[in-house]
Amino acid sequence: MTESRNRGISPKNEVEHAYFSGMIIQRVRDFVKNDNVKELINWGYGPRSKSTLDPKTVKIRGDMGTNGIFAAFTPTNIDLYQSFLPKHLLMPEQPTVSLVTVDYNTGNSVTRYNEGMVMIKGRCPNDEETYFVLDMPVETWLMMEMEVDWGFPKRIFDIKVTREKTLAFDKGITHLALELDPNSREKDSDIIIPPGNAWGINNMAVVHPIRKDVLLIFSYGPINVQERIQGMVKVDADRKQPWAGLIPEGLRILGVFQRYVPLGDSVIKKVYLNR
């Protein structure tokens, strides 16, 4: 499998995984503290790659690749939407809510895990768009601790990911569920696909928990889509969550089951609060 350089060294066991994760945590902490450095490339493992690989030619074996259900829609409650945007971001021209639940299957059982995202699109002062993360259920303790350190709103849930349905739940309560009906679709041209073809995963933003004047934007460059099944996605969410007001009850929207592999360099960028 061709793997994005954002994965760093591939650990052989849980001890190595924890060790390399600790290294990455410290590198991001140092990056946040240093105002002279605006970007962190490949988790600090090395410079940008100079690959001449054509992303369209990449093929991977079996079911490997980041896979899950992806959907996005235009919300109607714009006041609530705007209330969730941090001060670092402006309202985008087209407000968009992105809902995703995925299985990160890179071929390494040590690092494989499931995760969900509830995100809203925002606009940086330089007009670059990004997806601000409102909620991020995850199933492993290490990934929760690692990314909470950076500002991701992660909590532990039970998560299941299949081609037909993805589900994050806790003690029998559904937190977020996406169910794809490939036999029920409208015009494919109406589907909302956030930039990067990864529905916001490739362009996620969070406010740093310590340096609250810093917004971090995480991306990993181009992706190669290995498989995509379009259809209508039924959305179910815990109505007690603050962001649930953005999601009408009984919502059905265009979306996809998708499997892809990232091919580029990972980059973390800073946006400073200067308004």
C-alpha atoms as a PDB file:
ATOM      1  CA  MET A   1       0.000   0.000   0.000  1.00  0.00           C
ATOM      2  CA  THR A   2       1.199   3.498  -0.815  1.00  0.00           C
ATOM      3  CA  GLU A   3       0.899   5.458   2.398  1.00  0.00           C
ATOM      4  CA  SER A   4       0.794   9.161   3.146  1.00  0.00           C
ATOM      5  CA  ARG A   5       3.905  10.443   4.854  1.00  0.00           C
ATOM      6  CA  ASN A   6       1.694  11.853   7.579  1.00  0.00           C
ATOM      7  CA  ARG A   7       1.692   8.395   9.197  1.00  0.00           C
ATOM      8  CA  GLY A   8       5.369   8.678  10.140  1.00  0.00           C
ATOM      9  CA  ILE A   9       7.107   5.499  11.272  1.00  0.00           C
ATOM     10  CA  SER A  10       4.856   2.450  11.237  1.00  0.00           C
ATOM     11  CA  PRO A  11       4.933   0.889  14.738  1.00  0.00           C
ATOM     12  CA  LYS A  12       5.208  -2.869  15.117  1.00  0.00           C
ATOM     13  CA  ASN A  13       3.441  -3.071  18.480  1.00  0.00           C
ATOM     14  CA  GLU A  14       1.490  -1.010  21.003  1.00  0.00           C
ATOM     15  CA  VAL A  15       4.617   0.057  22.889  1.00  0.00           C
ATOM     16  CA  GLU A  16       6.171   1.481  19.724  1.00  0.00           C
ATOM     17  CA  HIS A  17       2.843   3.105  18.844  1.00  0.00           C
ATOM     18  CA  ALA A  18       2.718   4.880  22.213  1.00  0.00           C
ATOM     19  CA  TYR A  19       6.368   5.938  21.897  1.00  0.00           C
ATOM     20  CA  PHE A  20       6.024   7.420  18.408  1.00  0.00           C
ATOM     21  CA  SER A  21       2.728   9.070  19.393  1.00  0.00           C
ATOM     22  CA  GLY A  22       4.486  10.716  22.336  1.00  0.00           C
ATOM     23  CA  MET A  23       7.142  12.043  19.965  1.00  0.00           C
ATOM     24  CA  ILE A  24       4.483  13.540  17.719  1.00  0.00           C
ATOM     25  CA  ILE A  25       2.669  15.119  20.685  1.00  0.00           C
ATOM     26  CA  GLN A  26       5.877  16.842  21.774  1.00  0.00           C
ATOM     27  CA  ARG A  27       6.660  18.039  18.249  1.00  0.00           C
ATOM     28  CA  VAL A  28       3.226  19.629  17.929  1.00  0.00           C
ATOM     29  CA  ARG A  29       3.635  21.263  21.355  1.00  0.00           C
ATOM     30  CA  ASP A  30       6.995  22.731  20.289  1.00  0.00           C
ATOM     31  CA  PHE A  31       5.463  23.871  16.996  1.00  0.00           C
ATOM     32  CA  VAL A  32       2.610  25.665  18.755  1.00  0.00           C
ATOM     33  CA  LYS A  33       5.009  27.469  21.093  1.00  0.00           C
ATOM     34  CA  ASN A  34       7.304  28.666  18.307  1.00  0.00           C
ATOM     35  CA  ASP A  35       5.774  31.693  16.568  1.00  0.00           C
ATOM     36  CA  ASN A  36       8.636  31.745  14.057  1.00  0.00           C
ATOM     37  CA  VAL A  37       7.460  28.481  12.476  1.00  0.00           C
ATOM     38  CA  LYS A  38       4.188  28.626  10.540  1.00  0.00           C
ATOM     39  CA  GLU A  39       3.956  25.032   9.277  1.00  0.00           C
ATOM     40  CA  LEU A  40       4.852  21.577  10.604  1.00  0.00           C
ATOM     41  CA  ILE A  41       5.591  19.161   7.744  1.00  0.00           C
ATOM     42  CA  ASN A  42       5.147  15.397   8.098  1.00  0.00           C
ATOM     43  CA  TRP A  43       4.938  15.570  11.904  1.00  0.00           C
ATOM     44  CA  GLY A  44       8.516  16.837  11.896  1.00  0.00           C
ATOM     45  CA  TYR A  45       9.893  13.595  10.432  1.00  0.00           C
ATOM     46  CA  GLY A  46      11.291  15.260   7.324  1.00  0.00           C
ATOM     47  CA  PRO A  47      10.863  17.735   4.459  1.00  0.00           C
ATOM     48  CA  ARG A  48       8.234  17.644   1.773  1.00  0.00           C
ATOM     49  CA  SER A  49       8.453  14.687  -0.579  1.00  0.00           C
ATOM     50  CA  LYS A  50       9.387  15.126  -4.223  1.00  0.00           C
ATOM     51  CA  SER A  51       7.361  12.205  -5.527  1.00  0.00           C
ATOM     52  CA  THR A  52       6.404  12.217  -9.196  1.00  0.00           C
ATOM     53  CA  LEU A  53       3.737   9.581  -8.563  1.00  0.00           C
ATOM     54  CA  ASP A  54       0.472  10.147 -10.415  1.00  0.00           C
ATOM     55  CA  PRO A  55      -2.280   9.791  -7.761  1.00  0.00           C
ATOM     56  CA  LYS A  56      -4.679   8.395 -10.377  1.00  0.00           C
ATOM     57  CA  THR A  57      -2.462   5.334 -10.928  1.00  0.00           C
ATOM     58  CA  VAL A  58      -2.300   4.221  -7.286  1.00  0.00           C
ATOM     59  CA  LYS A  59      -4.064   0.959  -6.492  1.00  0.00           C
ATOM     60  CA  ILE A  60      -4.122  -0.787  -3.115  1.00  0.00           C
ATOM     61  CA  ARG A  61      -5.014  -4.347  -2.219  1.00  0.00           C
ATOM     62  CA  GLY A  62      -8.119  -5.712  -0.586  1.00  0.00           C
ATOM     63  CA  ASP A  63     -10.136  -3.423   1.665  1.00  0.00           C
ATOM     64  CA  MET A  64      -7.219  -1.253   2.741  1.00  0.00           C
ATOM     65  CA  GLY A  65      -7.607   2.508   2.886  1.00  0.00           C
ATOM     66  CA  THR A  66      -9.519   5.022   4.961  1.00  0.00           C
ATOM     67  CA  ASN A  67     -13.139   3.996   4.497  1.00  0.00           C
ATOM     68  CA  GLY A  68     -16.566   4.942   5.778  1.00  0.00           C
ATOM     69  CA  ILE A  69     -19.635   7.026   5.067  1.00  0.00           C
ATOM     70  CA  PHE A  70     -19.288  10.697   4.157  1.00  0.00           C
ATOM     71  CA  ALA A  71     -22.084  13.241   3.845  1.00  0.00           C
ATOM     72  CA  ALA A  72     -22.475  17.010   3.814  1.00  0.00           C
ATOM     73  CA  PHE A  73     -25.397  19.407   3.631  1.00  0.00           C
ATOM     74  CA  THR A  74     -26.346  23.073   3.780  1.00  0.00           C
ATOM     75  CA  PRO A  75     -27.874  23.908   7.203  1.00  0.00           C
ATOM     76  CA  THR A  76     -30.972  26.034   7.695  1.00  0.00           C
ATOM     77  CA  ASN A  77     -30.231  27.308  11.211  1.00  0.00           C
ATOM     78  CA  ILE A  78     -27.590  29.856  10.224  1.00  0.00           C
ATOM     79  CA  ASP A  79     -27.607  31.679  13.575  1.00  0.00           C
ATOM     80  CA  LEU A  80     -26.750  28.461  15.415  1.00  0.00           C
ATOM     81  CA  TYR A  81     -24.138  27.642  12.787  1.00  0.00           C
ATOM     82  CA  GLN A  82     -22.437  30.996  13.208  1.00  0.00           C
ATOM     83  CA  SER A  83     -22.452  30.637  16.991  1.00  0.00           C
ATOM     84  CA  PHE A  84     -20.221  27.547  16.680  1.00  0.00           C
ATOM     85  CA  LEU A  85     -17.539  29.249  14.577  1.00  0.00           C
ATOM     86  CA  PRO A  86     -14.502  30.347  16.611  1.00  0.00           C
ATOM     87  CA  LYS A  87     -13.384  33.971  16.436  1.00  0.00           C
ATOM     88  CA  HIS A  88     -10.502  32.926  14.187  1.00  0.00           C
ATOM     89  CA  LEU A  89     -12.918  32.096  11.344  1.00  0.00           C
ATOM     90  CA  LEU A  90     -15.434  34.034   9.285  1.00  0.00           C
ATOM     91  CA  MET A  91     -18.715  32.810   7.818  1.00  0.00           C
ATOM     92  CA  PRO A  92     -18.100  31.016   4.510  1.00  0.00           C
ATOM     93  CA  GLU A  93     -19.948  31.895   1.336  1.00  0.00           C
ATOM     94  CA  GLN A  94     -21.716  28.524   1.495  1.00  0.00           C
ATOM     95  CA  PRO A  95     -22.218  27.236   5.065  1.00  0.00           C
ATOM     96  CA  THR A  96     -21.746  23.458   5.098  1.00  0.00           C
ATOM     97  CA  VAL A  97     -22.063  20.770   7.764  1.00  0.00           C
ATOM     98  CA  SER A  98     -19.928  17.671   7.165  1.00  0.00           C
ATOM     99  CA  LEU A  99     -20.681  14.336   8.857  1.00  0.00           C
ATOM    100  CA  VAL A 100     -18.214  11.463   8.656  1.00  0.00           C
ATOM    101  CA  THR A 101     -17.514   8.149  10.380  1.00  0.00           C
ATOM    102  CA  VAL A 102     -14.474   6.214   9.183  1.00  0.00           C
ATOM    103  CA  ASP A 103     -12.180   3.242   9.672  1.00  0.00           C
ATOM    104  CA  TYR A 104      -8.504   4.197   9.310  1.00  0.00           C
ATOM    105  CA  ASN A 105      -7.277   0.974   7.743  1.00  0.00           C
ATOM    106  CA  THR A 106      -3.670   1.537   6.651  1.00  0.00           C
ATOM    107  CA  GLY A 107      -2.818  -2.149   6.766  1.00  0.00           C
ATOM    108  CA  ASN A 108      -1.329  -1.938  10.257  1.00  0.00           C
ATOM    109  CA  SER A 109      -3.547  -3.495  12.931  1.00  0.00           C
ATOM    110  CA  VAL A 110      -1.606  -1.658  15.658  1.00  0.00           C
ATOM    111  CA  THR A 111      -2.626   1.794  14.418  1.00  0.00           C
ATOM    112  CA  ARG A 112      -6.056   0.964  12.970  1.00  0.00           C
ATOM    113  CA  TYR A 113      -9.029   2.649  14.645  1.00  0.00           C
ATOM    114  CA  ASN A 114     -12.502   4.086  13.984  1.00  0.00           C
ATOM    115  CA  GLU A 115     -13.511   7.712  14.375  1.00  0.00           C
ATOM    116  CA  GLY A 116     -16.348  10.128  13.647  1.00  0.00           C
ATOM    117  CA  MET A 117     -16.556  13.844  12.888  1.00  0.00           C
ATOM    118  CA  VAL A 118     -19.135  16.610  13.018  1.00  0.00           C
ATOM    119  CA  MET A 119     -17.659  19.657  11.260  1.00  0.00           C
ATOM    120  CA  ILE A 120     -18.702  23.037   9.909  1.00  0.00           C
ATOM    121  CA  LYS A 121     -17.022  25.041   7.180  1.00  0.00           C
ATOM    122  CA  GLY A 122     -15.384  28.354   8.050  1.00  0.00           C
ATOM    123  CA  ARG A 123     -13.300  30.945   6.220  1.00  0.00           C
ATOM    124  CA  CYS A 124      -9.851  32.106   7.316  1.00  0.00           C
ATOM    125  CA  PRO A 125      -8.908  35.809   7.136  1.00  0.00           C
ATOM    126  CA  ASN A 126      -6.941  35.019   3.934  1.00  0.00           C
ATOM    127  CA  ASP A 127     -10.146  33.499   2.432  1.00  0.00           C
ATOM    128  CA  GLU A 128      -8.864  29.910   2.730  1.00  0.00           C
ATOM    129  CA  GLU A 129     -11.665  27.564   3.781  1.00  0.00           C
ATOM    130  CA  THR A 130     -11.370  24.932   6.482  1.00  0.00           C
ATOM    131  CA  TYR A 131     -13.644  22.632   8.503  1.00  0.00           C
ATOM    132  CA  PHE A 132     -13.925  23.393  12.199  1.00  0.00           C
ATOM    133  CA  VAL A 133     -14.470  20.280  14.330  1.00  0.00           C
ATOM    134  CA  LEU A 134     -17.442  20.391  16.709  1.00  0.00           C
ATOM    135  CA  ASP A 135     -17.421  16.773  17.830  1.00  0.00           C
ATOM    136  CA  MET A 136     -15.133  13.772  17.304  1.00  0.00           C
ATOM    137  CA  PRO A 137     -16.061  10.373  18.789  1.00  0.00           C
ATOM    138  CA  VAL A 138     -13.140   7.926  18.774  1.00  0.00           C
ATOM    139  CA  GLU A 139     -12.734   4.346  19.989  1.00  0.00           C
ATOM    140  CA  THR A 140      -9.158   4.234  21.339  1.00  0.00           C
ATOM    141  CA  TRP A 141      -7.722   5.852  24.446  1.00  0.00           C
ATOM    142  CA  LEU A 142      -4.374   6.708  22.838  1.00  0.00           C
ATOM    143  CA  MET A 143      -5.894   8.592  19.897  1.00  0.00           C
ATOM    144  CA  MET A 144      -8.209  10.446  22.253  1.00  0.00           C
ATOM    145  CA  GLU A 145      -5.385  11.590  24.543  1.00  0.00           C
ATOM    146  CA  MET A 146      -3.094  12.428  21.651  1.00  0.00           C
ATOM    147  CA  GLU A 147      -5.489  14.723  19.814  1.00  0.00           C
ATOM    148  CA  VAL A 148      -7.215  16.234  22.850  1.00  0.00           C
ATOM    149  CA  ASP A 149      -3.732  17.607  23.499  1.00  0.00           C
ATOM    150  CA  TRP A 150      -4.061  19.521  20.207  1.00  0.00           C
ATOM    151  CA  GLY A 151      -7.634  20.673  20.741  1.00  0.00           C
ATOM    152  CA  PHE A 152      -9.793  18.020  19.083  1.00  0.00           C
ATOM    153  CA  PRO A 153     -13.046  17.462  21.039  1.00  0.00           C
ATOM    154  CA  LYS A 154     -12.598  13.707  21.361  1.00  0.00           C
ATOM    155  CA  ARG A 155     -14.425  11.290  23.634  1.00  0.00           C
ATOM    156  CA  ILE A 156     -14.448   7.498  23.783  1.00  0.00           C
ATOM    157  CA  PHE A 157     -17.348   5.697  22.092  1.00  0.00           C
ATOM    158  CA  ASP A 158     -18.109   2.296  20.650  1.00  0.00           C
ATOM    159  CA  ILE A 159     -17.882   2.723  16.872  1.00  0.00           C
ATOM    160  CA  LYS A 160     -18.847   0.376  14.052  1.00  0.00           C
ATOM    161  CA  VAL A 161     -18.066   1.021  10.403  1.00  0.00           C
ATOM    162  CA  THR A 162     -19.522  -0.952   7.485  1.00  0.00           C
ATOM    163  CA  ARG A 163     -20.384  -0.099   3.897  1.00  0.00           C
ATOM    164  CA  GLU A 164     -24.052   0.197   4.821  1.00  0.00           C
ATOM    165  CA  LYS A 165     -23.941   1.932   8.190  1.00  0.00           C
ATOM    166  CA  THR A 166     -21.566   3.691  10.536  1.00  0.00           C
ATOM    167  CA  LEU A 167     -22.479   4.123  14.174  1.00  0.00           C
ATOM    168  CA  ALA A 168     -20.944   5.823  17.210  1.00  0.00           C
ATOM    169  CA  PHE A 169     -22.750   4.932  20.437  1.00  0.00           C
ATOM    170  CA  ASP A 170     -22.293   4.762  24.194  1.00  0.00           C
ATOM    171  CA  LYS A 171     -24.307   2.697  26.668  1.00  0.00           C
ATOM    172  CA  GLY A 172     -26.920   1.994  24.018  1.00  0.00           C
ATOM    173  CA  ILE A 173     -27.394   5.647  23.079  1.00  0.00           C
ATOM    174  CA  THR A 174     -26.728   6.626  19.465  1.00  0.00           C
ATOM    175  CA  HIS A 175     -24.334   9.554  19.260  1.00  0.00           C
ATOM    176  CA  LEU A 176     -24.060   9.701  15.470  1.00  0.00           C
ATOM    177  CA  ALA A 177     -25.239   7.224  12.853  1.00  0.00           C
ATOM    178  CA  LEU A 178     -24.964   7.407   9.069  1.00  0.00           C
ATOM    179  CA  GLU A 179     -26.842   4.818   7.005  1.00  0.00           C
ATOM    180  CA  LEU A 180     -26.350   4.639   3.234  1.00  0.00           C
ATOM    181  CA  ASP A 181     -29.046   3.467   0.812  1.00  0.00           C
ATOM    182  CA  PRO A 182     -27.265   3.083  -2.548  1.00  0.00           C
ATOM    183  CA  ASN A 183     -30.546   2.267  -4.289  1.00  0.00           C
ATOM    184  CA  SER A 184     -32.112   5.608  -3.374  1.00  0.00           C
ATOM    185  CA  ARG A 185     -30.453   8.639  -4.898  1.00  0.00           C
ATOM    186  CA  GLU A 186     -31.220  11.937  -6.519  1.00  0.00           C
ATOM    187  CA  LYS A 187     -29.082  13.768  -9.064  1.00  0.00           C
ATOM    188  CA  ASP A 188     -25.426  12.963  -8.409  1.00  0.00           C
ATOM    189  CA  SER A 189     -24.578  16.531  -9.390  1.00  0.00           C
ATOM    190  CA  ASP A 190     -26.382  17.764  -6.263  1.00  0.00           C
ATOM    191  CA  ILE A 191     -24.048  15.992  -3.844  1.00  0.00           C
ATOM    192  CA  ILE A 192     -21.935  18.355  -1.733  1.00  0.00           C
ATOM    193  CA  ILE A 193     -18.296  17.302  -1.755  1.00  0.00           C
ATOM    194  CA  PRO A 194     -16.044  19.478   0.406  1.00  0.00           C
ATOM    195  CA  PRO A 195     -12.626  20.291  -1.110  1.00  0.00           C
ATOM    196  CA  GLY A 196     -10.089  17.479  -1.084  1.00  0.00           C
ATOM    197  CA  ASN A 197     -12.732  14.773  -1.701  1.00  0.00           C
ATOM    198  CA  ALA A 198     -12.493  13.756   1.957  1.00  0.00           C
ATOM    199  CA  TRP A 199     -15.432  15.782   3.282  1.00  0.00           C
ATOM    200  CA  GLY A 200     -13.334  17.900   5.635  1.00  0.00           C
ATOM    201  CA  ILE A 201     -11.025  15.206   7.049  1.00  0.00           C
ATOM    202  CA  ASN A 202      -8.272  16.568   4.819  1.00  0.00           C
ATOM    203  CA  ASN A 203      -8.730  20.103   6.110  1.00  0.00           C
ATOM    204  CA  MET A 204      -9.737  20.028   9.788  1.00  0.00           C
ATOM    205  CA  ALA A 205      -9.335  22.933  12.202  1.00  0.00           C
ATOM    206  CA  VAL A 206      -9.332  23.183  15.998  1.00  0.00           C
ATOM    207  CA  VAL A 207      -8.514  25.892  18.528  1.00  0.00           C
ATOM    208  CA  HIS A 208      -5.475  24.935  20.575  1.00  0.00           C
ATOM    209  CA  PRO A 209      -6.519  24.251  24.195  1.00  0.00           C
ATOM    210  CA  ILE A 210      -3.614  26.207  25.728  1.00  0.00           C
ATOM    211  CA  ARG A 211      -2.820  28.840  23.113  1.00  0.00           C
ATOM    212  CA  LYS A 212      -6.369  29.834  22.367  1.00  0.00           C
ATOM    213  CA  ASP A 213      -5.163  32.552  19.992  1.00  0.00           C
ATOM    214  CA  VAL A 214      -3.964  29.777  17.656  1.00  0.00           C
ATOM    215  CA  LEU A 215      -6.163  27.789  15.285  1.00  0.00           C
ATOM    216  CA  LEU A 216      -4.481  24.638  13.941  1.00  0.00           C
ATOM    217  CA  ILE A 217      -5.397  23.342  10.478  1.00  0.00           C
ATOM    218  CA  PHE A 218      -4.521  19.697   9.765  1.00  0.00           C
ATOM    219  CA  SER A 219      -4.240  18.363   6.206  1.00  0.00           C
ATOM    220  CA  TYR A 220      -2.458  15.572   4.341  1.00  0.00           C
ATOM    221  CA  GLY A 221      -2.480  16.588   0.689  1.00  0.00           C
ATOM    222  CA  PRO A 222      -4.059  14.792  -2.288  1.00  0.00           C
ATOM    223  CA  ILE A 223      -5.937  11.521  -1.972  1.00  0.00           C
ATOM    224  CA  ASN A 224      -6.670   8.703  -4.366  1.00  0.00           C
ATOM    225  CA  VAL A 225     -10.256   7.424  -4.175  1.00  0.00           C
ATOM    226  CA  GLN A 226     -10.210   3.643  -4.605  1.00  0.00           C
ATOM    227  CA  GLU A 227     -13.942   3.102  -4.269  1.00  0.00           C
ATOM    228  CA  ARG A 228     -17.038   5.295  -4.058  1.00  0.00           C
ATOM    229  CA  ILE A 229     -20.694   4.237  -3.754  1.00  0.00           C
ATOM    230  CA  GLN A 230     -23.198   7.072  -3.901  1.00  0.00           C
ATOM    231  CA  GLY A 231     -26.674   7.109  -2.408  1.00  0.00           C
ATOM    232  CA  MET A 232     -28.930   8.727   0.152  1.00  0.00           C
ATOM    233  CA  VAL A 233     -27.661   8.883   3.734  1.00  0.00           C
ATOM    234  CA  LYS A 234     -30.030   8.717   6.695  1.00  0.00           C
ATOM    235  CA  VAL A 235     -28.656  10.684   9.657  1.00  0.00           C
ATOM    236  CA  ASP A 236     -29.402   9.965  13.297  1.00  0.00           C
ATOM    237  CA  ALA A 237     -27.894  12.019  16.133  1.00  0.00           C
ATOM    238  CA  ASP A 238     -28.181  12.383  19.883  1.00  0.00           C
ATOM    239  CA  ARG A 239     -30.613  15.296  20.199  1.00  0.00           C
ATOM    240  CA  LYS A 240     -29.008  16.306  23.512  1.00  0.00           C
ATOM    241  CA  GLN A 241     -25.797  17.364  21.759  1.00  0.00           C
ATOM    242  CA  PRO A 242     -25.451  21.143  21.203  1.00  0.00           C
ATOM    243  CA  TRP A 243     -24.650  20.654  17.512  1.00  0.00           C
ATOM    244  CA  ALA A 244     -27.714  18.446  16.963  1.00  0.00           C
ATOM    245  CA  GLY A 245     -29.724  21.606  16.339  1.00  0.00           C
ATOM    246  CA  LEU A 246     -27.924  21.860  13.004  1.00  0.00           C
ATOM    247  CA  ILE A 247     -29.308  18.459  11.967  1.00  0.00           C
ATOM    248  CA  PRO A 248     -33.052  18.267  11.279  1.00  0.00           C
ATOM    249  CA  GLU A 249     -34.695  15.148  12.691  1.00  0.00           C
ATOM    250  CA  GLY A 250     -35.143  12.469  10.052  1.00  0.00           C
ATOM    251  CA  LEU A 251     -32.538  14.090   7.805  1.00  0.00           C
ATOM    252  CA  ARG A 252     -31.743  12.260   4.539  1.00  0.00           C
ATOM    253  CA  ILE A 253     -28.996  13.712   2.378  1.00  0.00           C
ATOM    254  CA  LEU A 254     -26.813  12.727  -0.547  1.00  0.00           C
ATOM    255  CA  GLY A 255     -23.560  11.048   0.455  1.00  0.00           C
ATOM    256  CA  VAL A 256     -21.194   8.173  -0.247  1.00  0.00           C
ATOM    257  CA  PHE A 257     -19.414   5.161   1.093  1.00  0.00           C
ATOM    258  CA  GLN A 258     -15.824   5.856   0.160  1.00  0.00           C
ATOM    259  CA  ARG A 259     -12.429   4.182   0.447  1.00  0.00           C
ATOM    260  CA  TYR A 260      -9.302   6.170  -0.288  1.00  0.00           C
ATOM    261  CA  VAL A 261      -5.591   6.466   0.391  1.00  0.00           C
ATOM    262  CA  PRO A 262      -3.769   9.746   1.199  1.00  0.00           C
ATOM    263  CA  LEU A 263      -0.708  10.361  -0.962  1.00  0.00           C
ATOM    264  CA  GLY A 264       0.719  13.726  -0.010  1.00  0.00           C
ATOM    265  CA  ASP A 265       2.653  15.345   2.781  1.00  0.00           C
ATOM    266  CA  SER A 266       0.930  16.076   6.060  1.00  0.00           C
ATOM    267  CA  VAL A 267       0.912  19.736   7.058  1.00  0.00           C
ATOM    268  CA  ILE A 268      -0.240  21.551  10.201  1.00  0.00           C
ATOM    269  CA  LYS A 269      -0.710  25.297   9.728  1.00  0.00           C
ATOM    270  CA  LYS A 270      -1.407  28.080  12.195  1.00  0.00           C
ATOM    271  CA  VAL A 271      -4.043  30.776  11.978  1.00  0.00           C
ATOM    272  CA  TYR A 272      -3.668  33.483  14.602  1.00  0.00           C
ATOM    273  CA  LEU A 273      -6.552  35.357  16.165  1.00  0.00           C
ATOM    274  CA  ASN A 274      -5.899  38.956  15.112  1.00  0.00           C
ATOM    275  CA  ARG A 275      -9.369  40.424  14.829  1.00  0.00           C
END
